[in-house]
Each structure stands twice: as structure tokens, then as C-alpha cells.
Amino acid sequence: MHIDAILTQLDYTISPSSREQVERVIAHTTGFEHVEKHLITLHDALKAHHSFVALSSNKDYFKIKNEAQGAEMADEVNEMIAKWSDKYKITLEKVPHKNTYYVLGYKS
């Protein structure tokens, strides 16, 4: 997927710095060619739950932010994320004390 398309589909403004960040994230994401085709689909599915896929500001990874309202809805979204990860064999790292996950890459 083209870098500008990734930025657009994740609702980012296209700029030299955002392009560079996506390039770094792609380089750090194991098996990105497998991950990319499922990432945008997850982002679109999460929108209905006030959650999304984004670029991390701390690390060179995509992150999944669960910002669903209420404990029951947040648990539902966490389950959705876990099923997505298992189905597409994508390794996630949970951020301690947050409903946020880093997308590390494809589990081959």
C-alpha cells in the first residue's frame, strides 16, 4: 500500500514528516506486507466503537487505541482486537495500564 494511502485511510494529514514516520513504522513492522492488508480493515471496524489504528508517538509502530466508552464495550473491543490478531497471526504488545496495543508484525 502506498504511504500516502495509509496516511489518508488512517485520517492523517500528508506531510514530509508523516511520510517519514510511516516509512520508519513499516521498516519496524515484521512482515508488513501481510499486516497492511488487514490494518485498515481493523481501523474501519473500530471506528464504530470510538477506537482506531494510529501511528505511535513514542515508538515506530502502528498502535491500536481502544477508547470505547464503558467497561463492557471496552472489553468487547479488546476481544475484537484479540480475535483479529489471532486470525491474521499478528503480534501485538499491550501497553501497560492502557487499552492500547502496538502492532509488532506478522507471526510467521
C-alpha atoms as a PDB file:
ATOM      1  CA  MET A   1       0.000   0.000   0.000  1.00  0.00           C
ATOM      2  CA  HIS A   2       1.321   3.417  -0.857  1.00  0.00           C
ATOM      3  CA  ILE A   3       2.381   5.589   2.107  1.00  0.00           C
ATOM      4  CA  ASP A   4       0.007   8.427   1.188  1.00  0.00           C
ATOM      5  CA  ALA A   5      -2.887   5.964   1.059  1.00  0.00           C
ATOM      6  CA  ILE A   6      -2.038   4.647   4.530  1.00  0.00           C
ATOM      7  CA  LEU A   7      -1.954   8.181   5.926  1.00  0.00           C
ATOM      8  CA  THR A   8      -5.236   9.107   4.251  1.00  0.00           C
ATOM      9  CA  GLN A   9      -7.033   5.958   5.372  1.00  0.00           C
ATOM     10  CA  LEU A  10      -5.869   6.497   8.956  1.00  0.00           C
ATOM     11  CA  ASP A  11      -7.070  10.129   8.809  1.00  0.00           C
ATOM     12  CA  TYR A  12      -3.628  11.779   8.895  1.00  0.00           C
ATOM     13  CA  THR A  13      -2.503  14.865   7.023  1.00  0.00           C
ATOM     14  CA  ILE A  14       0.100  14.046   4.377  1.00  0.00           C
ATOM     15  CA  SER A  15       3.364  15.820   5.102  1.00  0.00           C
ATOM     16  CA  PRO A  16       7.072  15.040   4.774  1.00  0.00           C
ATOM     17  CA  SER A  17       7.291  14.205   8.490  1.00  0.00           C
ATOM     18  CA  SER A  18       4.224  11.927   8.457  1.00  0.00           C
ATOM     19  CA  ARG A  19       5.574  10.116   5.374  1.00  0.00           C
ATOM     20  CA  GLU A  20       8.924   9.614   7.130  1.00  0.00           C
ATOM     21  CA  GLN A  21       7.172   8.288  10.214  1.00  0.00           C
ATOM     22  CA  VAL A  22       5.202   5.741   8.172  1.00  0.00           C
ATOM     23  CA  GLU A  23       8.415   4.645   6.441  1.00  0.00           C
ATOM     24  CA  ARG A  24      10.033   4.037   9.863  1.00  0.00           C
ATOM     25  CA  VAL A  25       6.958   2.171  11.104  1.00  0.00           C
ATOM     26  CA  ILE A  26       6.911  -0.059   8.016  1.00  0.00           C
ATOM     27  CA  ALA A  27      10.614  -0.824   8.494  1.00  0.00           C
ATOM     28  CA  HIS A  28       9.988  -1.841  12.131  1.00  0.00           C
ATOM     29  CA  THR A  29       6.882  -3.946  11.434  1.00  0.00           C
ATOM     30  CA  THR A  30       7.829  -7.565  10.770  1.00  0.00           C
ATOM     31  CA  GLY A  31       6.085  -8.874   7.656  1.00  0.00           C
ATOM     32  CA  PHE A  32       4.395  -5.554   6.951  1.00  0.00           C
ATOM     33  CA  GLU A  33       3.240  -6.748   3.530  1.00  0.00           C
ATOM     34  CA  HIS A  34       0.977  -9.242   5.363  1.00  0.00           C
ATOM     35  CA  VAL A  35      -0.110  -6.818   8.113  1.00  0.00           C
ATOM     36  CA  GLU A  36      -1.004  -3.879   5.870  1.00  0.00           C
ATOM     37  CA  LYS A  37      -3.953  -5.524   4.152  1.00  0.00           C
ATOM     38  CA  HIS A  38      -5.674  -6.163   7.499  1.00  0.00           C
ATOM     39  CA  LEU A  39      -4.742  -2.974   9.359  1.00  0.00           C
ATOM     40  CA  ILE A  40      -7.099  -0.613   7.515  1.00  0.00           C
ATOM     41  CA  THR A  41      -9.963  -3.105   7.773  1.00  0.00           C
ATOM     42  CA  LEU A  42      -9.468  -3.190  11.550  1.00  0.00           C
ATOM     43  CA  HIS A  43      -9.289   0.609  11.687  1.00  0.00           C
ATOM     44  CA  ASP A  44     -12.614   0.883   9.862  1.00  0.00           C
ATOM     45  CA  ALA A  45     -14.261  -1.722  12.135  1.00  0.00           C
ATOM     46  CA  LEU A  46     -13.034   0.022  15.282  1.00  0.00           C
ATOM     47  CA  LYS A  47     -14.404   3.450  14.323  1.00  0.00           C
ATOM     48  CA  ALA A  48     -17.927   2.429  15.336  1.00  0.00           C
ATOM     49  CA  HIS A  49     -16.568   1.827  18.856  1.00  0.00           C
ATOM     50  CA  HIS A  50     -14.686   5.150  19.127  1.00  0.00           C
ATOM     51  CA  SER A  51     -11.401   3.257  18.686  1.00  0.00           C
ATOM     52  CA  PHE A  52      -8.823   3.330  15.926  1.00  0.00           C
ATOM     53  CA  VAL A  53      -5.417   2.429  14.463  1.00  0.00           C
ATOM     54  CA  ALA A  54      -2.837   5.219  14.623  1.00  0.00           C
ATOM     55  CA  LEU A  55       0.858   5.965  14.457  1.00  0.00           C
ATOM     56  CA  SER A  56       2.548   5.783  17.842  1.00  0.00           C
ATOM     57  CA  SER A  57       4.189   8.964  19.041  1.00  0.00           C
ATOM     58  CA  ASN A  58       6.592   7.028  21.297  1.00  0.00           C
ATOM     59  CA  LYS A  59       7.718   4.084  19.155  1.00  0.00           C
ATOM     60  CA  ASP A  60       7.992   3.326  15.451  1.00  0.00           C
ATOM     61  CA  TYR A  61       4.899   1.124  15.356  1.00  0.00           C
ATOM     62  CA  PHE A  62       1.259   1.354  14.493  1.00  0.00           C
ATOM     63  CA  LYS A  63      -0.873   1.316  17.603  1.00  0.00           C
ATOM     64  CA  ILE A  64      -4.429   0.245  18.243  1.00  0.00           C
ATOM     65  CA  LYS A  65      -6.288   2.517  20.652  1.00  0.00           C
ATOM     66  CA  ASN A  66      -9.365   1.194  22.396  1.00  0.00           C
ATOM     67  CA  GLU A  67     -11.296   4.251  23.525  1.00  0.00           C
ATOM     68  CA  ALA A  68     -14.673   2.575  23.814  1.00  0.00           C
ATOM     69  CA  GLN A  69     -16.942   4.038  26.483  1.00  0.00           C
ATOM     70  CA  GLY A  70     -17.823   1.796  29.421  1.00  0.00           C
ATOM     71  CA  ALA A  71     -16.134  -1.339  30.717  1.00  0.00           C
ATOM     72  CA  GLU A  72     -18.402  -3.728  28.811  1.00  0.00           C
ATOM     73  CA  MET A  73     -17.814  -2.008  25.461  1.00  0.00           C
ATOM     74  CA  ALA A  74     -14.061  -1.731  26.129  1.00  0.00           C
ATOM     75  CA  ASP A  75     -13.940  -5.481  26.856  1.00  0.00           C
ATOM     76  CA  GLU A  76     -15.843  -6.144  23.633  1.00  0.00           C
ATOM     77  CA  VAL A  77     -13.349  -4.079  21.624  1.00  0.00           C
ATOM     78  CA  ASN A  78     -10.386  -5.804  23.333  1.00  0.00           C
ATOM     79  CA  GLU A  79     -11.913  -9.133  22.338  1.00  0.00           C
ATOM     80  CA  MET A  80     -12.359  -7.883  18.751  1.00  0.00           C
ATOM     81  CA  ILE A  81      -8.680  -6.857  18.668  1.00  0.00           C
ATOM     82  CA  ALA A  82      -7.558 -10.229  20.095  1.00  0.00           C
ATOM     83  CA  LYS A  83      -9.627 -12.168  17.531  1.00  0.00           C
ATOM     84  CA  TRP A  84      -8.197 -10.010  14.716  1.00  0.00           C
ATOM     85  CA  SER A  85      -4.667 -10.643  15.969  1.00  0.00           C
ATOM     86  CA  ASP A  86      -5.216 -14.413  16.210  1.00  0.00           C
ATOM     87  CA  LYS A  87      -6.989 -14.699  12.857  1.00  0.00           C
ATOM     88  CA  TYR A  88      -4.285 -12.878  10.902  1.00  0.00           C
ATOM     89  CA  LYS A  89      -1.338 -14.056  13.049  1.00  0.00           C
ATOM     90  CA  ILE A  90      -0.310 -10.556  14.035  1.00  0.00           C
ATOM     91  CA  THR A  91       1.815  -9.995  17.135  1.00  0.00           C
ATOM     92  CA  LEU A  92       0.644  -7.240  19.453  1.00  0.00           C
ATOM     93  CA  GLU A  93       2.265  -5.718  22.523  1.00  0.00           C
ATOM     94  CA  LYS A  94      -0.114  -4.384  25.178  1.00  0.00           C
ATOM     95  CA  VAL A  95       0.855  -1.029  26.646  1.00  0.00           C
ATOM     96  CA  PRO A  96       0.785  -1.380  30.452  1.00  0.00           C
ATOM     97  CA  HIS A  97      -2.190   0.258  32.199  1.00  0.00           C
ATOM     98  CA  LYS A  98      -3.805   1.335  28.908  1.00  0.00           C
ATOM     99  CA  ASN A  99      -6.206  -0.102  26.343  1.00  0.00           C
ATOM    100  CA  THR A 100      -3.540   0.367  23.692  1.00  0.00           C
ATOM    101  CA  TYR A 101      -1.583  -2.172  21.652  1.00  0.00           C
ATOM    102  CA  TYR A 102       1.495  -1.848  19.457  1.00  0.00           C
ATOM    103  CA  VAL A 103       1.365  -3.790  16.177  1.00  0.00           C
ATOM    104  CA  LEU A 104       4.744  -5.567  16.087  1.00  0.00           C
ATOM    105  CA  GLY A 105       4.230  -7.627  12.964  1.00  0.00           C
ATOM    106  CA  TYR A 106       3.302 -10.921  11.370  1.00  0.00           C
ATOM    107  CA  LYS A 107       3.872 -14.200  13.266  1.00  0.00           C
ATOM    108  CA  SER A 108       5.177 -16.447  10.504  1.00  0.00           C
END
